[in-house]
PDB file of N, CA and C in Angstrom:
ATOM      1  N   MET A   1      12.621  16.140  15.819  1.00  0.00           N
ATOM      2  CA  MET A   1      13.037  15.679  14.503  1.00  0.00           C
ATOM      3  C   MET A   1      11.779  15.257  13.730  1.00  0.00           C
ATOM      4  N   ASN A   2      11.644  15.750  12.493  1.00  0.00           N
ATOM      5  CA  ASN A   2      10.472  15.378  11.705  1.00  0.00           C
ATOM      6  C   ASN A   2      10.723  14.075  10.932  1.00  0.00           C
ATOM      7  N   LEU A   3       9.701  13.569  10.262  1.00  0.00           N
ATOM      8  CA  LEU A   3       9.777  12.284   9.555  1.00  0.00           C
ATOM      9  C   LEU A   3      10.862  12.287   8.484  1.00  0.00           C
ATOM     10  N   ASN A   4      10.953  13.349   7.684  1.00  0.00           N
ATOM     11  CA  ASN A   4      11.974  13.405   6.635  1.00  0.00           C
ATOM     12  C   ASN A   4      13.386  13.354   7.211  1.00  0.00           C
ATOM     13  N   GLU A   5      13.599  14.021   8.333  1.00  0.00           N
ATOM     14  CA  GLU A   5      14.913  13.973   8.968  1.00  0.00           C
ATOM     15  C   GLU A   5      15.225  12.570   9.471  1.00  0.00           C
ATOM     16  N   MET A   6      14.207  11.897  10.050  1.00  0.00           N
ATOM     17  CA  MET A   6      14.407  10.527  10.528  1.00  0.00           C
ATOM     18  C   MET A   6      14.698   9.588   9.364  1.00  0.00           C
ATOM     19  N   MET A   7      13.968   9.747   8.260  1.00  0.00           N
ATOM     20  CA  MET A   7      14.200   8.895   7.087  1.00  0.00           C
ATOM     21  C   MET A   7      15.600   9.125   6.534  1.00  0.00           C
ATOM     22  N   GLY A   8      16.042  10.376   6.513  1.00  0.00           N
ATOM     23  CA  GLY A   8      17.378  10.688   6.026  1.00  0.00           C
ATOM     24  C   GLY A   8      18.453  10.006   6.855  1.00  0.00           C
ATOM     25  N   LYS A   9      18.291   9.989   8.160  1.00  0.00           N
ATOM     26  CA  LYS A   9      19.262   9.328   9.031  1.00  0.00           C
ATOM     27  C   LYS A   9      19.240   7.809   8.815  1.00  0.00           C
ATOM     28  N   ASP A  10      18.039   7.242   8.629  1.00  0.00           N
ATOM     29  CA  ASP A  10      17.936   5.801   8.355  1.00  0.00           C
ATOM     30  C   ASP A  10      18.610   5.456   7.034  1.00  0.00           C
ATOM     31  N   LEU A  11      18.391   6.275   6.003  1.00  0.00           N
ATOM     32  CA  LEU A  11      19.021   6.038   4.706  1.00  0.00           C
ATOM     33  C   LEU A  11      20.533   6.123   4.816  1.00  0.00           C
ATOM     34  N   GLU A  12      20.998   7.126   5.536  1.00  0.00           N
ATOM     35  CA  GLU A  12      22.437   7.297   5.715  1.00  0.00           C
ATOM     36  C   GLU A  12      23.052   6.052   6.351  1.00  0.00           C
ATOM     37  N   ALA A  13      22.386   5.491   7.334  1.00  0.00           N
ATOM     38  CA  ALA A  13      22.886   4.280   7.999  1.00  0.00           C
ATOM     39  C   ALA A  13      22.840   3.080   7.059  1.00  0.00           C
ATOM     40  N   SER A  14      21.781   2.939   6.279  1.00  0.00           N
ATOM     41  CA  SER A  14      21.634   1.794   5.369  1.00  0.00           C
ATOM     42  C   SER A  14      22.702   1.778   4.294  1.00  0.00           C
ATOM     43  N   PHE A  15      23.119   2.939   3.830  1.00  0.00           N
ATOM     44  CA  PHE A  15      24.094   3.018   2.744  1.00  0.00           C
ATOM     45  C   PHE A  15      25.524   3.204   3.246  1.00  0.00           C
ATOM     46  N   ASN A  16      25.737   2.894   4.508  1.00  0.00           N
ATOM     47  CA  ASN A  16      27.065   2.909   5.108  1.00  0.00           C
ATOM     48  C   ASN A  16      27.804   1.647   4.659  1.00  0.00           C
ATOM     49  N   LEU A  17      29.068   1.778   4.283  1.00  0.00           N
ATOM     50  CA  LEU A  17      29.844   0.622   3.809  1.00  0.00           C
ATOM     51  C   LEU A  17      30.038  -0.434   4.898  1.00  0.00           C
ATOM     52  N   ASP A  18      29.904  -0.051   6.151  1.00  0.00           N
ATOM     53  CA  ASP A  18      30.021  -1.017   7.245  1.00  0.00           C
ATOM     54  C   ASP A  18      28.705  -1.735   7.522  1.00  0.00           C
ATOM     55  N   GLU A  19      27.657  -1.365   6.834  1.00  0.00           N
ATOM     56  CA  GLU A  19      26.346  -1.985   7.030  1.00  0.00           C
ATOM     57  C   GLU A  19      25.983  -2.823   5.807  1.00  0.00           C
ATOM     58  N   PHE A  20      25.137  -2.281   4.912  1.00  0.00           N
ATOM     59  CA  PHE A  20      24.613  -3.042   3.785  1.00  0.00           C
ATOM     60  C   PHE A  20      25.226  -2.677   2.443  1.00  0.00           C
ATOM     61  N   ALA A  21      25.860  -1.543   2.354  1.00  0.00           N
ATOM     62  CA  ALA A  21      26.291  -0.989   1.065  1.00  0.00           C
ATOM     63  C   ALA A  21      27.641  -1.525   0.605  1.00  0.00           C
ATOM     64  N   ILE A  22      27.838  -1.422  -0.709  1.00  0.00           N
ATOM     65  CA  ILE A  22      29.141  -1.666  -1.325  1.00  0.00           C
ATOM     66  C   ILE A  22      29.496  -0.427  -2.137  1.00  0.00           C
ATOM     67  N   LEU A  23      30.756  -0.282  -2.449  1.00  0.00           N
ATOM     68  CA  LEU A  23      31.232   0.863  -3.228  1.00  0.00           C
ATOM     69  C   LEU A  23      31.289   0.482  -4.703  1.00  0.00           C
ATOM     70  N   THR A  24      30.763   1.340  -5.560  1.00  0.00           N
ATOM     71  CA  THR A  24      30.825   1.128  -7.003  1.00  0.00           C
ATOM     72  C   THR A  24      31.314   2.396  -7.680  1.00  0.00           C
ATOM     73  N   VAL A  25      31.771   2.240  -8.920  1.00  0.00           N
ATOM     74  CA  VAL A  25      32.144   3.402  -9.726  1.00  0.00           C
ATOM     75  C   VAL A  25      31.081   3.574 -10.799  1.00  0.00           C
ATOM     76  N   HIS A  26      30.571   4.789 -10.902  1.00  0.00           N
ATOM     77  CA  HIS A  26      29.548   5.156 -11.886  1.00  0.00           C
ATOM     78  C   HIS A  26      30.209   6.025 -12.944  1.00  0.00           C
ATOM     79  N   TYR A  27      30.170   5.570 -14.207  1.00  0.00           N
ATOM     80  CA  TYR A  27      30.735   6.328 -15.327  1.00  0.00           C
ATOM     81  C   TYR A  27      29.593   6.971 -16.103  1.00  0.00           C
ATOM     82  N   PHE A  28      29.734   8.276 -16.380  1.00  0.00           N
ATOM     83  CA  PHE A  28      28.687   9.008 -17.100  1.00  0.00           C
ATOM     84  C   PHE A  28      29.297  10.215 -17.790  1.00  0.00           C
ATOM     85  N   ALA A  29      28.892  10.466 -19.011  1.00  0.00           N
ATOM     86  CA  ALA A  29      29.274  11.671 -19.762  1.00  0.00           C
ATOM     87  C   ALA A  29      30.756  12.018 -19.631  1.00  0.00           C
ATOM     88  N   GLY A  30      31.626  11.022 -19.735  1.00  0.00           N
ATOM     89  CA  GLY A  30      33.057  11.259 -19.655  1.00  0.00           C
ATOM     90  C   GLY A  30      33.585  11.505 -18.250  1.00  0.00           C
ATOM     91  N   GLU A  31      32.742  11.360 -17.252  1.00  0.00           N
ATOM     92  CA  GLU A  31      33.138  11.562 -15.866  1.00  0.00           C
ATOM     93  C   GLU A  31      32.879  10.286 -15.078  1.00  0.00           C
ATOM     94  N   ASN A  32      33.289  10.272 -13.812  1.00  0.00           N
ATOM     95  CA  ASN A  32      32.951   9.148 -12.945  1.00  0.00           C
ATOM     96  C   ASN A  32      32.814   9.628 -11.512  1.00  0.00           C
ATOM     97  N   GLU A  33      32.099   8.834 -10.737  1.00  0.00           N
ATOM     98  CA  GLU A  33      31.916   9.128  -9.321  1.00  0.00           C
ATOM     99  C   GLU A  33      31.802   7.814  -8.564  1.00  0.00           C
ATOM    100  N   LYS A  34      32.204   7.824  -7.321  1.00  0.00           N
ATOM    101  CA  LYS A  34      32.064   6.652  -6.471  1.00  0.00           C
ATOM    102  C   LYS A  34      30.766   6.782  -5.693  1.00  0.00           C
ATOM    103  N   LEU A  35      29.996   5.689  -5.657  1.00  0.00           N
ATOM    104  CA  LEU A  35      28.707   5.691  -4.977  1.00  0.00           C
ATOM    105  C   LEU A  35      28.597   4.492  -4.050  1.00  0.00           C
ATOM    106  N   ASN A  36      27.982   4.705  -2.903  1.00  0.00           N
ATOM    107  CA  ASN A  36      27.623   3.609  -2.013  1.00  0.00           C
ATOM    108  C   ASN A  36      26.245   3.122  -2.437  1.00  0.00           C
ATOM    109  N   ILE A  37      26.159   1.840  -2.768  1.00  0.00           N
ATOM    110  CA  ILE A  37      24.899   1.277  -3.265  1.00  0.00           C
ATOM    111  C   ILE A  37      24.593  -0.022  -2.525  1.00  0.00           C
ATOM    112  N   ILE A  38      23.350  -0.448  -2.640  1.00  0.00           N
ATOM    113  CA  ILE A  38      22.954  -1.798  -2.244  1.00  0.00           C
ATOM    114  C   ILE A  38      22.685  -2.534  -3.540  1.00  0.00           C
ATOM    115  N   PHE A  39      23.413  -3.629  -3.773  1.00  0.00           N
ATOM    116  CA  PHE A  39      23.333  -4.374  -5.027  1.00  0.00           C
ATOM    117  C   PHE A  39      22.546  -5.658  -4.820  1.00  0.00           C
ATOM    118  N   ASP A  40      21.672  -5.971  -5.763  1.00  0.00           N
ATOM    119  CA  ASP A  40      20.902  -7.207  -5.736  1.00  0.00           C
ATOM    120  C   ASP A  40      21.091  -7.891  -7.090  1.00  0.00           C
ATOM    121  N   GLU A  41      21.624  -9.094  -7.092  1.00  0.00           N
ATOM    122  CA  GLU A  41      21.909  -9.799  -8.344  1.00  0.00           C
ATOM    123  C   GLU A  41      20.663 -10.244  -9.098  1.00  0.00           C
ATOM    124  N   ALA A  42      19.535 -10.425  -8.396  1.00  0.00           N
ATOM    125  CA  ALA A  42      18.317 -10.904  -9.055  1.00  0.00           C
ATOM    126  C   ALA A  42      17.097 -10.214  -8.456  1.00  0.00           C
ATOM    127  N   THR A  43      16.615  -9.200  -9.154  1.00  0.00           N
ATOM    128  CA  THR A  43      15.432  -8.453  -8.734  1.00  0.00           C
ATOM    129  C   THR A  43      14.302  -8.766  -9.712  1.00  0.00           C
ATOM    130  N   GLU A  44      13.146  -9.133  -9.186  1.00  0.00           N
ATOM    131  CA  GLU A  44      12.001  -9.419 -10.054  1.00  0.00           C
ATOM    132  C   GLU A  44      11.376  -8.097 -10.485  1.00  0.00           C
ATOM    133  N   VAL A  45      11.217  -7.935 -11.784  1.00  0.00           N
ATOM    134  CA  VAL A  45      10.688  -6.686 -12.317  1.00  0.00           C
ATOM    135  C   VAL A  45       9.791  -6.987 -13.513  1.00  0.00           C
ATOM    136  N   VAL A  46       8.749  -6.175 -13.673  1.00  0.00           N
ATOM    137  CA  VAL A  46       7.911  -6.225 -14.871  1.00  0.00           C
ATOM    138  C   VAL A  46       8.271  -4.982 -15.674  1.00  0.00           C
ATOM    139  N   LEU A  47       8.859  -5.195 -16.839  1.00  0.00           N
ATOM    140  CA  LEU A  47       9.293  -4.077 -17.678  1.00  0.00           C
ATOM    141  C   LEU A  47       8.075  -3.354 -18.236  1.00  0.00           C
ATOM    142  N   ASP A  48       8.156  -2.029 -18.307  1.00  0.00           N
ATOM    143  CA  ASP A  48       6.984  -1.266 -18.755  1.00  0.00           C
ATOM    144  C   ASP A  48       7.258  -0.363 -19.946  1.00  0.00           C
ATOM    145  N   LYS A  49       8.411  -0.552 -20.611  1.00  0.00           N
ATOM    146  CA  LYS A  49       8.719   0.290 -21.760  1.00  0.00           C
ATOM    147  C   LYS A  49       9.225  -0.559 -22.914  1.00  0.00           C
ATOM    148  N   GLY A  50       9.015  -0.063 -24.120  1.00  0.00           N
ATOM    149  CA  GLY A  50       9.598  -0.680 -25.305  1.00  0.00           C
ATOM    150  C   GLY A  50       8.985  -2.019 -25.669  1.00  0.00           C
ATOM    151  N   GLU A  51       9.733  -2.777 -26.452  1.00  0.00           N
ATOM    152  CA  GLU A  51       9.221  -4.037 -26.981  1.00  0.00           C
ATOM    153  C   GLU A  51       9.027  -5.102 -25.915  1.00  0.00           C
ATOM    154  N   PHE A  52       9.617  -4.928 -24.729  1.00  0.00           N
ATOM    155  CA  PHE A  52       9.504  -5.918 -23.672  1.00  0.00           C
ATOM    156  C   PHE A  52       8.467  -5.536 -22.612  1.00  0.00           C
ATOM    157  N   ALA A  53       7.618  -4.546 -22.896  1.00  0.00           N
ATOM    158  CA  ALA A  53       6.617  -4.101 -21.931  1.00  0.00           C
ATOM    159  C   ALA A  53       5.744  -5.285 -21.503  1.00  0.00           C
ATOM    160  N   GLY A  54       5.561  -5.415 -20.199  1.00  0.00           N
ATOM    161  CA  GLY A  54       4.746  -6.485 -19.644  1.00  0.00           C
ATOM    162  C   GLY A  54       5.500  -7.769 -19.366  1.00  0.00           C
ATOM    163  N   VAL A  55       6.752  -7.849 -19.781  1.00  0.00           N
ATOM    164  CA  VAL A  55       7.550  -9.051 -19.560  1.00  0.00           C
ATOM    165  C   VAL A  55       8.111  -9.028 -18.140  1.00  0.00           C
ATOM    166  N   GLU A  56       7.963 -10.146 -17.445  1.00  0.00           N
ATOM    167  CA  GLU A  56       8.528 -10.282 -16.111  1.00  0.00           C
ATOM    168  C   GLU A  56       9.910 -10.905 -16.225  1.00  0.00           C
ATOM    169  N   ALA A  57      10.864 -10.341 -15.520  1.00  0.00           N
ATOM    170  CA  ALA A  57      12.237 -10.824 -15.631  1.00  0.00           C
ATOM    171  C   ALA A  57      12.963 -10.670 -14.303  1.00  0.00           C
ATOM    172  N   LEU A  58      14.026 -11.434 -14.155  1.00  0.00           N
ATOM    173  CA  LEU A  58      14.948 -11.259 -13.033  1.00  0.00           C
ATOM    174  C   LEU A  58      16.166 -10.528 -13.572  1.00  0.00           C
ATOM    175  N   VAL A  59      16.433  -9.365 -13.028  1.00  0.00           N
ATOM    176  CA  VAL A  59      17.557  -8.557 -13.488  1.00  0.00           C
ATOM    177  C   VAL A  59      18.353  -8.073 -12.274  1.00  0.00           C
ATOM    178  N   PRO A  60      19.627  -7.793 -12.459  1.00  0.00           N
ATOM    179  CA  PRO A  60      20.376  -7.176 -11.369  1.00  0.00           C
ATOM    180  C   PRO A  60      19.875  -5.746 -11.148  1.00  0.00           C
ATOM    181  N   SER A  61      20.026  -5.264  -9.935  1.00  0.00           N
ATOM    182  CA  SER A  61      19.621  -3.885  -9.652  1.00  0.00           C
ATOM    183  C   SER A  61      20.515  -3.304  -8.565  1.00  0.00           C
ATOM    184  N   LEU A  62      20.484  -1.997  -8.492  1.00  0.00           N
ATOM    185  CA  LEU A  62      21.144  -1.314  -7.387  1.00  0.00           C
ATOM    186  C   LEU A  62      20.176  -0.292  -6.824  1.00  0.00           C
ATOM    187  N   THR A  63      20.349  -0.023  -5.552  1.00  0.00           N
ATOM    188  CA  THR A  63      19.528   0.974  -4.870  1.00  0.00           C
ATOM    189  C   THR A  63      20.473   1.964  -4.205  1.00  0.00           C
ATOM    190  N   LEU A  64      20.093   3.239  -4.259  1.00  0.00           N
ATOM    191  CA  LEU A  64      20.887   4.282  -3.638  1.00  0.00           C
ATOM    192  C   LEU A  64      19.978   5.427  -3.246  1.00  0.00           C
ATOM    193  N   PRO A  65      20.449   6.340  -2.399  1.00  0.00           N
ATOM    194  CA  PRO A  65      19.632   7.507  -2.064  1.00  0.00           C
ATOM    195  C   PRO A  65      19.347   8.336  -3.319  1.00  0.00           C
ATOM    196  N   THR A  66      18.130   8.793  -3.455  1.00  0.00           N
ATOM    197  CA  THR A  66      17.743   9.583  -4.628  1.00  0.00           C
ATOM    198  C   THR A  66      18.641  10.806  -4.785  1.00  0.00           C
ATOM    199  N   SER A  67      19.081  11.382  -3.695  1.00  0.00           N
ATOM    200  CA  SER A  67      19.943  12.564  -3.771  1.00  0.00           C
ATOM    201  C   SER A  67      21.279  12.273  -4.452  1.00  0.00           C
ATOM    202  N   LYS A  68      21.685  11.013  -4.493  1.00  0.00           N
ATOM    203  CA  LYS A  68      22.953  10.616  -5.127  1.00  0.00           C
ATOM    204  C   LYS A  68      22.755  10.115  -6.558  1.00  0.00           C
ATOM    205  N   ALA A  69      21.507  10.037  -7.032  1.00  0.00           N
ATOM    206  CA  ALA A  69      21.194   9.425  -8.324  1.00  0.00           C
ATOM    207  C   ALA A  69      21.016  10.427  -9.457  1.00  0.00           C
ATOM    208  N   THR A  70      21.320  11.672  -9.235  1.00  0.00           N
ATOM    209  CA  THR A  70      21.016  12.705 -10.231  1.00  0.00           C
ATOM    210  C   THR A  70      21.770  12.546 -11.540  1.00  0.00           C
ATOM    211  N   ASN A  71      22.955  11.960 -11.526  1.00  0.00           N
ATOM    212  CA  ASN A  71      23.750  11.814 -12.751  1.00  0.00           C
ATOM    213  C   ASN A  71      23.466  10.521 -13.512  1.00  0.00           C
ATOM    214  N   ILE A  72      22.613   9.665 -12.991  1.00  0.00           N
ATOM    215  CA  ILE A  72      22.367   8.369 -13.623  1.00  0.00           C
ATOM    216  C   ILE A  72      21.389   8.520 -14.784  1.00  0.00           C
ATOM    217  N   THR A  73      21.810   8.025 -15.968  1.00  0.00           N
ATOM    218  CA  THR A  73      20.962   8.038 -17.163  1.00  0.00           C
ATOM    219  C   THR A  73      21.040   6.662 -17.819  1.00  0.00           C
ATOM    220  N   HIS A  74      20.343   6.504 -18.927  1.00  0.00           N
ATOM    221  CA  HIS A  74      20.391   5.238 -19.668  1.00  0.00           C
ATOM    222  C   HIS A  74      21.768   4.998 -20.300  1.00  0.00           C
ATOM    223  N   LYS A  75      22.612   6.006 -20.320  1.00  0.00           N
ATOM    224  CA  LYS A  75      23.964   5.860 -20.865  1.00  0.00           C
ATOM    225  C   LYS A  75      24.997   5.588 -19.770  1.00  0.00           C
ATOM    226  N   SER A  76      24.556   5.507 -18.530  1.00  0.00           N
ATOM    227  CA  SER A  76      25.458   5.267 -17.407  1.00  0.00           C
ATOM    228  C   SER A  76      26.024   3.857 -17.450  1.00  0.00           C
ATOM    229  N   LEU A  77      27.196   3.709 -16.860  1.00  0.00           N
ATOM    230  CA  LEU A  77      27.853   2.410 -16.733  1.00  0.00           C
ATOM    231  C   LEU A  77      28.335   2.274 -15.292  1.00  0.00           C
ATOM    232  N   PHE A  78      28.107   1.108 -14.705  1.00  0.00           N
ATOM    233  CA  PHE A  78      28.553   0.827 -13.344  1.00  0.00           C
ATOM    234  C   PHE A  78      29.505  -0.350 -13.373  1.00  0.00           C
ATOM    235  N   VAL A  79      30.536  -0.289 -12.550  1.00  0.00           N
ATOM    236  CA  VAL A  79      31.437  -1.417 -12.373  1.00  0.00           C
ATOM    237  C   VAL A  79      31.191  -1.946 -10.962  1.00  0.00           C
ATOM    238  N   ILE A  80      30.673  -3.176 -10.913  1.00  0.00           N
ATOM    239  CA  ILE A  80      30.322  -3.803  -9.640  1.00  0.00           C
ATOM    240  C   ILE A  80      30.992  -5.163  -9.593  1.00  0.00           C
ATOM    241  N   ASP A  81      31.816  -5.376  -8.601  1.00  0.00           N
ATOM    242  CA  ASP A  81      32.553  -6.643  -8.451  1.00  0.00           C
ATOM    243  C   ASP A  81      33.288  -7.021  -9.738  1.00  0.00           C
ATOM    244  N   GLY A  82      33.854  -6.031 -10.420  1.00  0.00           N
ATOM    245  CA  GLY A  82      34.640  -6.273 -11.619  1.00  0.00           C
ATOM    246  C   GLY A  82      33.833  -6.482 -12.889  1.00  0.00           C
ATOM    247  N   LEU A  83      32.506  -6.412 -12.815  1.00  0.00           N
ATOM    248  CA  LEU A  83      31.647  -6.571 -13.995  1.00  0.00           C
ATOM    249  C   LEU A  83      31.027  -5.234 -14.376  1.00  0.00           C
ATOM    250  N   ASN A  84      30.813  -5.024 -15.684  1.00  0.00           N
ATOM    251  CA  ASN A  84      30.194  -3.802 -16.183  1.00  0.00           C
ATOM    252  C   ASN A  84      28.692  -3.997 -16.340  1.00  0.00           C
ATOM    253  N   TYR A  85      27.936  -3.000 -15.883  1.00  0.00           N
ATOM    254  CA  TYR A  85      26.475  -3.029 -15.979  1.00  0.00           C
ATOM    255  C   TYR A  85      25.985  -1.728 -16.605  1.00  0.00           C
ATOM    256  N   GLY A  86      25.023  -1.854 -17.529  1.00  0.00           N
ATOM    257  CA  GLY A  86      24.349  -0.700 -18.101  1.00  0.00           C
ATOM    258  C   GLY A  86      22.967  -0.571 -17.487  1.00  0.00           C
ATOM    259  N   VAL A  87      22.331   0.559 -17.712  1.00  0.00           N
ATOM    260  CA  VAL A  87      21.028   0.862 -17.123  1.00  0.00           C
ATOM    261  C   VAL A  87      19.907   0.443 -18.071  1.00  0.00           C
ATOM    262  N   ILE A  88      18.945  -0.319 -17.548  1.00  0.00           N
ATOM    263  CA  ILE A  88      17.736  -0.655 -18.296  1.00  0.00           C
ATOM    264  C   ILE A  88      16.659   0.389 -17.999  1.00  0.00           C
ATOM    265  N   GLU A  89      16.448   0.633 -16.708  1.00  0.00           N
ATOM    266  CA  GLU A  89      15.359   1.504 -16.291  1.00  0.00           C
ATOM    267  C   GLU A  89      15.680   2.099 -14.923  1.00  0.00           C
ATOM    268  N   LYS A  90      15.150   3.284 -14.672  1.00  0.00           N
ATOM    269  CA  LYS A  90      15.374   3.984 -13.395  1.00  0.00           C
ATOM    270  C   LYS A  90      14.047   4.557 -12.910  1.00  0.00           C
ATOM    271  N   PRO A  91      13.169   3.695 -12.383  1.00  0.00           N
ATOM    272  CA  PRO A  91      11.876   4.205 -11.903  1.00  0.00           C
ATOM    273  C   PRO A  91      12.033   4.999 -10.610  1.00  0.00           C
ATOM    274  N   LYS A  92      11.161   5.956 -10.391  1.00  0.00           N
ATOM    275  CA  LYS A  92      11.225   6.779  -9.183  1.00  0.00           C
ATOM    276  C   LYS A  92      10.488   6.075  -8.046  1.00  0.00           C
ATOM    277  N   GLN A  93      11.050   6.159  -6.864  1.00  0.00           N
ATOM    278  CA  GLN A  93      10.447   5.623  -5.655  1.00  0.00           C
ATOM    279  C   GLN A  93       9.917   6.793  -4.830  1.00  0.00           C
ATOM    280  N   LYS A  94       9.115   6.491  -3.831  1.00  0.00           N
ATOM    281  CA  LYS A  94       8.564   7.545  -2.979  1.00  0.00           C
ATOM    282  C   LYS A  94       9.150   7.516  -1.573  1.00  0.00           C
ATOM    283  N   ASP A  95      10.266   6.797  -1.402  1.00  0.00           N
ATOM    284  CA  ASP A  95      10.821   6.638  -0.061  1.00  0.00           C
ATOM    285  C   ASP A  95      12.216   7.235   0.090  1.00  0.00           C
ATOM    286  N   GLY A  96      12.624   8.097  -0.841  1.00  0.00           N
ATOM    287  CA  GLY A  96      13.942   8.707  -0.752  1.00  0.00           C
ATOM    288  C   GLY A  96      15.048   7.885  -1.380  1.00  0.00           C
ATOM    289  N   THR A  97      14.667   6.756  -2.016  1.00  0.00           N
ATOM    290  CA  THR A  97      15.650   5.918  -2.699  1.00  0.00           C
ATOM    291  C   THR A  97      15.324   5.845  -4.183  1.00  0.00           C
ATOM    292  N   THR A  98      16.322   5.458  -4.945  1.00  0.00           N
ATOM    293  CA  THR A  98      16.140   5.187  -6.373  1.00  0.00           C
ATOM    294  C   THR A  98      16.647   3.782  -6.624  1.00  0.00           C
ATOM    295  N   ILE A  99      15.872   3.000  -7.350  1.00  0.00           N
ATOM    296  CA  ILE A  99      16.301   1.670  -7.766  1.00  0.00           C
ATOM    297  C   ILE A  99      16.639   1.762  -9.246  1.00  0.00           C
ATOM    298  N   VAL A 100      17.739   1.145  -9.635  1.00  0.00           N
ATOM    299  CA  VAL A 100      18.180   1.172 -11.022  1.00  0.00           C
ATOM    300  C   VAL A 100      18.284  -0.276 -11.495  1.00  0.00           C
ATOM    301  N   TYR A 101      17.469  -0.628 -12.490  1.00  0.00           N
ATOM    302  CA  TYR A 101      17.535  -1.981 -13.067  1.00  0.00           C
ATOM    303  C   TYR A 101      18.674  -2.025 -14.070  1.00  0.00           C
ATOM    304  N   LEU A 102      19.445  -3.093 -14.020  1.00  0.00           N
ATOM    305  CA  LEU A 102      20.686  -3.181 -14.781  1.00  0.00           C
ATOM    306  C   LEU A 102      20.703  -4.378 -15.729  1.00  0.00           C
ATOM    307  N   GLU A 103      21.649  -4.335 -16.667  1.00  0.00           N
ATOM    308  CA  GLU A 103      21.967  -5.485 -17.509  1.00  0.00           C
ATOM    309  C   GLU A 103      23.469  -5.565 -17.614  1.00  0.00           C
ATOM    310  N   LYS A 104      23.985  -6.815 -17.659  1.00  0.00           N
ATOM    311  CA  LYS A 104      25.424  -6.994 -17.815  1.00  0.00           C
ATOM    312  C   LYS A 104      25.824  -6.553 -19.202  1.00  0.00           C
ATOM    313  N   GLU A 105      26.929  -5.845 -19.289  1.00  0.00           N
ATOM    314  CA  GLU A 105      27.430  -5.374 -20.583  1.00  0.00           C
ATOM    315  C   GLU A 105      28.339  -6.422 -21.187  1.00  0.00           C
TER     316      GLU A 105
END
């Protein structure tokens, strides 16, 4: 088994609902999909775009496998624990995951 295969198996285990993940609904372009995510209510981030560039903030975020993040855009909406969240930023990671910084709607 090569490194990418091992990482894929580790990711699969991490995003299992019986382990660390929770189920959310992602709404996009008139469609929706259910995704297993890891949610963090307070992630420290330094914003790098727009009028808030360079500002450090605590924002909610979600993490998911990059292969499941293809439909996520700045117009996406997530329902997590009954609350609506919009996308602030979706930086690319190099470990097979995508982190999405959120704001409460």
